[in-house]
Amino acid sequence: MLHVGKISFFAILLVALVSAGTALAQTPPNAGSTQEPLTFPTVQPEPDKPKTVRKKPRRQRGCRMYASPSYRKMVHRWQTVPTIPKPKWRAGFRDLTLYSVNLGERIRVFPFLADGTLDPAVVDEISRVMRDKNTDAVHPTSERLVKLVYLLAVKFNVRQITIVSGYRQPKEEEGGGHHADATAIDIAFSGVRLPVLAQAARRLGHVGVGFYPTSGFVHLDVREGRSYFWVDRSGPGQPGCVRPLDSARAFSYDAKWRIEKDEPVPAKNKKGELLGTEPAPNG
């Protein structure tokens, strides 16, 4: 009787253990626990950064941006420092070397007298080298234009100023312009990049400045009204395709202009002495 009881006890215990194991197997993981299952954030791949593409100059409709290889070589010569003597100084003022590409003439002159005024005889000589290439007509050059060209030459310590175009005698059927009254000049400075020259000219105030990258020069004119800046990428001898530049900047430069800024200041050395040992004539 005792043996049968032991067997019944162990049978009941075995059934209880099996039942508990079955219940445990059917219980989902973390059942009855307040802890949430671990989650990991999804890492999104970073989008590719757009590549920086340098835009080429936009070609204007009907604008022919072409210059022949021979012309481009000539433009390169205009900006190359020639093998001529360095500028000389006299009583604090330097000389200017001007070369006319259309006339094939070069002059070297001291525009200013010892008192800081323009030498009338030199202005006449400058007018002669700026004469009309087709008719040889001469027109008195604007004195303010001579002063501004001088200021730019001093700023860049330029050795030669190349004149691409100066005075143009107007035809009866054509209207006048700044070239027609000798208040404009198309120039290139040896050793100076055209964009740098154009930017410096814009700061002069009450001027017209045109940048001609294909034709290889900077237009500078003097005017009483507000300044006007532009870029013209047309090739030599082609119809112009003018694109105006920021007018707000032109207004800013005009607002800062003062008449005394047009006058050159005699240059001195570190000792306070005027540059140049050669005596200068008085006005």
Protein backbone atom coordinates (compact mmCIF):
# COMPACT_ATOMS: atom_id res chain seq x y z
CA MET A 1 0.00 0.00 0.00
CA LEU A 2 2.87 2.31 0.77
CA HIS A 3 4.52 1.45 -2.53
CA VAL A 4 1.44 2.38 -4.49
CA GLY A 5 1.21 5.69 -2.67
CA LYS A 6 4.76 6.59 -3.57
CA ILE A 7 4.07 5.85 -7.20
CA SER A 8 0.95 8.04 -7.18
CA PHE A 9 2.86 10.88 -5.55
CA PHE A 10 5.62 10.82 -8.13
CA ALA A 11 3.08 10.58 -10.98
CA ILE A 12 1.24 13.63 -9.72
CA LEU A 13 4.56 15.53 -9.40
CA LEU A 14 5.59 14.58 -12.95
CA VAL A 15 2.26 15.73 -14.37
CA ALA A 16 2.62 19.05 -12.54
CA LEU A 17 6.12 19.59 -13.90
CA VAL A 18 5.03 18.81 -17.47
CA SER A 19 2.11 21.18 -17.20
CA ALA A 20 4.32 23.96 -15.87
CA GLY A 21 6.85 23.44 -18.67
CA THR A 22 4.10 23.54 -21.30
CA ALA A 23 2.73 26.82 -19.88
CA LEU A 24 6.20 28.32 -19.74
CA ALA A 25 6.84 27.41 -23.36
CA GLN A 26 3.61 29.07 -24.48
CA THR A 27 4.31 32.30 -22.58
CA PRO A 28 5.63 35.06 -24.93
CA PRO A 29 9.01 36.59 -24.15
CA ASN A 30 8.94 39.40 -21.57
CA ALA A 31 5.31 38.54 -20.67
CA GLY A 32 4.29 40.29 -17.49
CA SER A 33 7.33 42.60 -17.67
CA THR A 34 6.95 46.39 -17.86
CA GLN A 35 10.26 46.77 -19.78
CA GLU A 36 9.77 47.53 -23.45
CA PRO A 37 11.82 45.61 -26.02
CA LEU A 38 15.02 47.27 -27.19
CA THR A 39 14.71 49.16 -30.46
CA PHE A 40 17.49 50.55 -32.64
CA PRO A 41 17.07 53.74 -34.75
CA THR A 42 17.18 53.33 -38.48
CA VAL A 43 20.17 55.15 -39.96
CA GLN A 44 19.24 56.98 -43.15
CA PRO A 45 22.04 57.43 -45.69
CA GLU A 46 23.11 61.05 -46.19
CA PRO A 47 22.09 62.51 -49.53
CA ASP A 48 24.90 63.22 -51.97
CA LYS A 49 26.05 66.81 -51.90
CA PRO A 50 25.54 68.62 -55.20
CA LYS A 51 28.75 69.22 -57.12
CA THR A 52 29.81 72.82 -57.66
CA VAL A 53 29.88 73.53 -61.36
CA ARG A 54 31.55 76.72 -62.58
CA LYS A 55 29.26 78.35 -65.05
CA LYS A 56 30.68 79.61 -68.28
CA PRO A 57 29.83 83.17 -69.39
CA ARG A 58 26.35 83.17 -70.79
CA ARG A 59 26.39 83.81 -74.49
CA GLN A 60 23.96 86.56 -75.38
CA ARG A 61 21.70 85.96 -78.31
CA GLY A 62 23.21 87.48 -81.43
CA CYS A 63 26.53 88.18 -79.66
CA ARG A 64 29.59 86.93 -81.52
CA MET A 65 32.32 86.35 -78.94
CA TYR A 66 35.13 85.68 -81.39
CA ALA A 67 38.61 87.02 -81.91
CA SER A 68 41.09 85.57 -84.40
CA PRO A 69 44.29 83.95 -83.11
CA SER A 70 46.36 86.85 -84.47
CA TYR A 71 44.15 89.36 -82.66
CA ARG A 72 44.43 87.42 -79.40
CA LYS A 73 48.21 87.49 -79.72
CA MET A 74 48.04 91.24 -80.20
CA VAL A 75 45.89 91.61 -77.06
CA HIS A 76 48.47 89.55 -75.17
CA ARG A 77 51.19 91.98 -76.28
CA TRP A 78 49.15 94.92 -74.99
CA GLN A 79 49.21 93.47 -71.49
CA THR A 80 52.84 92.37 -71.61
CA VAL A 81 55.36 94.68 -69.97
CA PRO A 82 57.49 96.13 -72.79
CA THR A 83 61.24 96.43 -72.72
CA ILE A 84 61.27 100.18 -72.18
CA PRO A 85 62.77 102.21 -69.33
CA LYS A 86 60.92 102.40 -66.04
CA PRO A 87 58.88 105.52 -65.27
CA LYS A 88 60.81 108.60 -64.24
CA TRP A 89 59.76 111.11 -61.59
CA ARG A 90 60.11 114.86 -61.57
CA ALA A 91 59.08 117.10 -58.67
CA GLY A 92 56.80 114.36 -57.32
CA PHE A 93 55.10 113.57 -60.63
CA ARG A 94 55.87 110.68 -62.95
CA ASP A 95 55.97 110.48 -66.71
CA LEU A 96 53.58 108.51 -68.92
CA THR A 97 54.39 106.34 -71.90
CA LEU A 98 51.44 106.08 -74.29
CA TYR A 99 51.40 103.85 -77.35
CA SER A 100 48.71 104.03 -80.05
CA VAL A 101 48.19 100.64 -81.67
CA ASN A 102 46.32 102.12 -84.64
CA LEU A 103 48.85 104.84 -85.37
CA GLY A 104 51.99 102.94 -84.33
CA GLU A 105 53.19 105.98 -82.37
CA ARG A 106 54.65 106.14 -78.87
CA ILE A 107 55.17 109.23 -76.74
CA ARG A 108 56.72 109.73 -73.32
CA VAL A 109 55.65 112.86 -71.50
CA PHE A 110 55.40 114.53 -68.09
CA PRO A 111 51.75 115.63 -67.90
CA PHE A 112 52.12 117.78 -64.77
CA LEU A 113 54.13 120.85 -63.95
CA ALA A 114 55.84 121.47 -60.60
CA ASP A 115 52.77 123.27 -59.23
CA GLY A 116 50.52 120.26 -59.97
CA THR A 117 48.74 121.74 -62.96
CA LEU A 118 48.57 120.08 -66.35
CA ASP A 119 51.09 121.19 -68.93
CA PRO A 120 49.00 122.55 -71.86
CA ALA A 121 51.70 121.61 -74.37
CA VAL A 122 51.70 118.01 -73.13
CA VAL A 123 47.89 117.81 -73.26
CA ASP A 124 48.14 118.89 -76.90
CA GLU A 125 50.69 116.13 -77.52
CA ILE A 126 48.40 113.57 -75.91
CA SER A 127 45.53 114.82 -78.08
CA ARG A 128 47.68 114.30 -81.15
CA VAL A 129 48.44 110.64 -80.30
CA MET A 130 44.73 110.11 -79.62
CA ARG A 131 43.65 111.55 -82.99
CA ASP A 132 41.18 109.84 -85.33
CA LYS A 133 42.93 106.95 -87.05
CA ASN A 134 40.95 107.38 -90.29
CA THR A 135 40.93 111.16 -90.78
CA ASP A 136 43.87 112.31 -88.64
CA ALA A 137 41.50 114.84 -87.08
CA VAL A 138 42.64 116.10 -83.67
CA HIS A 139 40.34 117.19 -80.85
CA PRO A 140 41.42 118.64 -77.47
CA THR A 141 41.36 115.82 -74.93
CA SER A 142 39.41 116.27 -71.72
CA GLU A 143 41.76 117.39 -68.95
CA ARG A 144 39.86 115.33 -66.40
CA LEU A 145 40.33 112.24 -68.58
CA VAL A 146 44.09 112.85 -68.62
CA LYS A 147 44.10 113.20 -64.83
CA LEU A 148 42.18 109.96 -64.27
CA VAL A 149 44.41 107.99 -66.62
CA TYR A 150 47.39 109.39 -64.74
CA LEU A 151 45.91 108.34 -61.37
CA LEU A 152 45.42 104.79 -62.65
CA ALA A 153 48.97 104.71 -64.02
CA VAL A 154 50.35 105.74 -60.61
CA LYS A 155 48.17 103.20 -58.80
CA PHE A 156 49.47 100.28 -60.85
CA ASN A 157 52.96 101.69 -61.51
CA VAL A 158 52.32 100.85 -65.13
CA ARG A 159 55.15 101.11 -67.61
CA GLN A 160 53.09 101.62 -70.78
CA ILE A 161 49.51 102.63 -71.57
CA THR A 162 48.21 101.15 -74.81
CA ILE A 163 45.61 103.29 -76.58
CA VAL A 164 43.21 101.12 -78.56
CA SER A 165 40.91 104.01 -79.46
CA GLY A 166 40.76 107.68 -78.64
CA TYR A 167 39.05 110.48 -80.52
CA ARG A 168 36.65 109.50 -83.30
CA GLN A 169 35.51 112.19 -85.64
CA PRO A 170 31.70 111.86 -85.84
CA LYS A 171 30.01 111.41 -89.20
CA GLU A 172 27.07 113.56 -90.19
CA GLU A 173 24.64 110.66 -90.18
CA GLU A 174 25.83 109.43 -86.78
CA GLY A 175 25.15 110.84 -83.38
CA GLY A 176 27.87 112.05 -81.06
CA GLY A 177 29.32 110.17 -78.13
CA HIS A 178 32.11 110.33 -75.62
CA HIS A 179 34.69 109.34 -78.23
CA ALA A 180 33.32 112.08 -80.50
CA ASP A 181 34.12 114.83 -77.99
CA ALA A 182 37.43 113.34 -76.76
CA THR A 183 36.14 112.50 -73.29
CA ALA A 184 36.72 108.76 -73.72
CA ILE A 185 39.60 106.39 -74.25
CA ASP A 186 39.91 102.62 -74.78
CA ILE A 187 43.03 101.39 -73.02
CA ALA A 188 45.04 98.42 -71.80
CA PHE A 189 47.77 98.60 -69.15
CA SER A 190 50.92 96.53 -69.46
CA GLY A 191 51.13 94.00 -66.64
CA VAL A 192 47.59 94.66 -65.38
CA ARG A 193 44.66 92.27 -65.92
CA LEU A 194 41.66 93.90 -67.56
CA PRO A 195 39.13 93.05 -64.80
CA VAL A 196 41.44 94.64 -62.22
CA LEU A 197 41.87 97.76 -64.31
CA ALA A 198 38.11 98.03 -64.88
CA GLN A 199 37.33 97.68 -61.18
CA ALA A 200 39.81 100.42 -60.26
CA ALA A 201 38.38 102.74 -62.93
CA ARG A 202 34.82 102.27 -61.62
CA ARG A 203 35.84 103.66 -58.24
CA LEU A 204 36.83 107.04 -59.74
CA GLY A 205 33.29 108.38 -59.70
CA HIS A 206 31.19 110.01 -62.44
CA VAL A 207 32.69 107.86 -65.14
CA GLY A 208 31.62 105.37 -67.75
CA VAL A 209 33.54 102.10 -67.62
CA GLY A 210 33.11 99.29 -70.11
CA PHE A 211 34.91 95.96 -69.87
CA TYR A 212 35.59 94.31 -73.25
CA PRO A 213 37.21 90.92 -72.48
CA THR A 214 37.12 89.57 -76.03
CA SER A 215 38.33 92.76 -77.71
CA GLY A 216 40.94 93.21 -75.01
CA PHE A 217 40.47 96.68 -73.53
CA VAL A 218 38.72 98.83 -70.94
CA HIS A 219 36.65 101.84 -71.99
CA LEU A 220 36.90 104.89 -69.74
CA ASP A 221 34.96 108.12 -70.19
CA VAL A 222 34.29 111.11 -67.95
CA ARG A 223 30.80 112.49 -67.45
CA GLU A 224 28.97 115.00 -65.29
CA GLY A 225 25.99 112.70 -64.75
CA ARG A 226 25.91 109.44 -62.85
CA SER A 227 28.29 106.62 -63.62
CA TYR A 228 27.42 103.72 -65.87
CA PHE A 229 29.20 100.36 -65.96
CA TRP A 230 28.86 97.54 -68.47
CA VAL A 231 30.43 94.44 -70.00
CA ASP A 232 30.56 93.79 -73.74
CA ARG A 233 31.83 90.37 -74.81
CA SER A 234 31.54 90.98 -78.54
CA GLY A 235 34.60 90.41 -80.67
CA PRO A 236 36.51 93.11 -82.53
CA GLY A 237 34.54 94.66 -85.37
CA GLN A 238 31.34 92.88 -84.30
CA PRO A 239 28.04 94.49 -83.21
CA GLY A 240 28.09 95.27 -79.52
CA CYS A 241 26.22 93.18 -76.94
CA VAL A 242 26.21 95.37 -73.86
CA ARG A 243 25.20 93.93 -70.50
CA PRO A 244 24.76 96.61 -67.78
CA LEU A 245 26.29 96.04 -64.37
CA ASP A 246 25.04 96.88 -60.87
CA SER A 247 23.76 100.47 -60.85
CA ALA A 248 23.70 100.60 -57.04
CA ARG A 249 27.48 100.31 -56.93
CA ALA A 250 27.81 103.11 -59.47
CA PHE A 251 25.60 105.31 -57.28
CA SER A 252 27.78 104.50 -54.26
CA TYR A 253 31.00 105.50 -56.02
CA ASP A 254 29.43 108.74 -57.25
CA ALA A 255 28.28 109.62 -53.74
CA LYS A 256 31.87 109.30 -52.46
CA TRP A 257 33.34 111.41 -55.28
CA ARG A 258 34.93 114.77 -54.50
CA ILE A 259 36.53 117.08 -57.03
CA GLU A 260 39.81 117.09 -55.13
CA LYS A 261 40.08 113.33 -55.63
CA ASP A 262 40.74 113.96 -59.32
CA GLU A 263 43.90 115.88 -58.49
CA PRO A 264 47.13 113.89 -58.18
CA VAL A 265 49.19 114.24 -55.02
CA PRO A 266 52.96 114.68 -55.42
CA ALA A 267 54.75 111.49 -54.41
CA LYS A 268 57.41 111.55 -51.71
CA ASN A 269 60.02 109.15 -50.43
CA LYS A 270 60.36 107.92 -46.84
CA LYS A 271 62.31 111.06 -45.93
CA GLY A 272 59.45 113.26 -47.10
CA GLU A 273 61.30 114.42 -50.18
CA LEU A 274 59.60 114.71 -53.56
CA LEU A 275 60.40 111.87 -55.91
CA GLY A 276 62.62 112.84 -58.82
CA THR A 277 65.72 114.96 -58.93
CA GLU A 278 65.09 116.51 -62.33
CA PRO A 279 63.75 120.07 -61.94
CA ALA A 280 60.31 120.66 -63.37
CA PRO A 281 59.09 123.82 -65.11
CA ASN A 282 56.57 125.95 -63.26
CA GLY A 283 53.12 126.78 -64.57
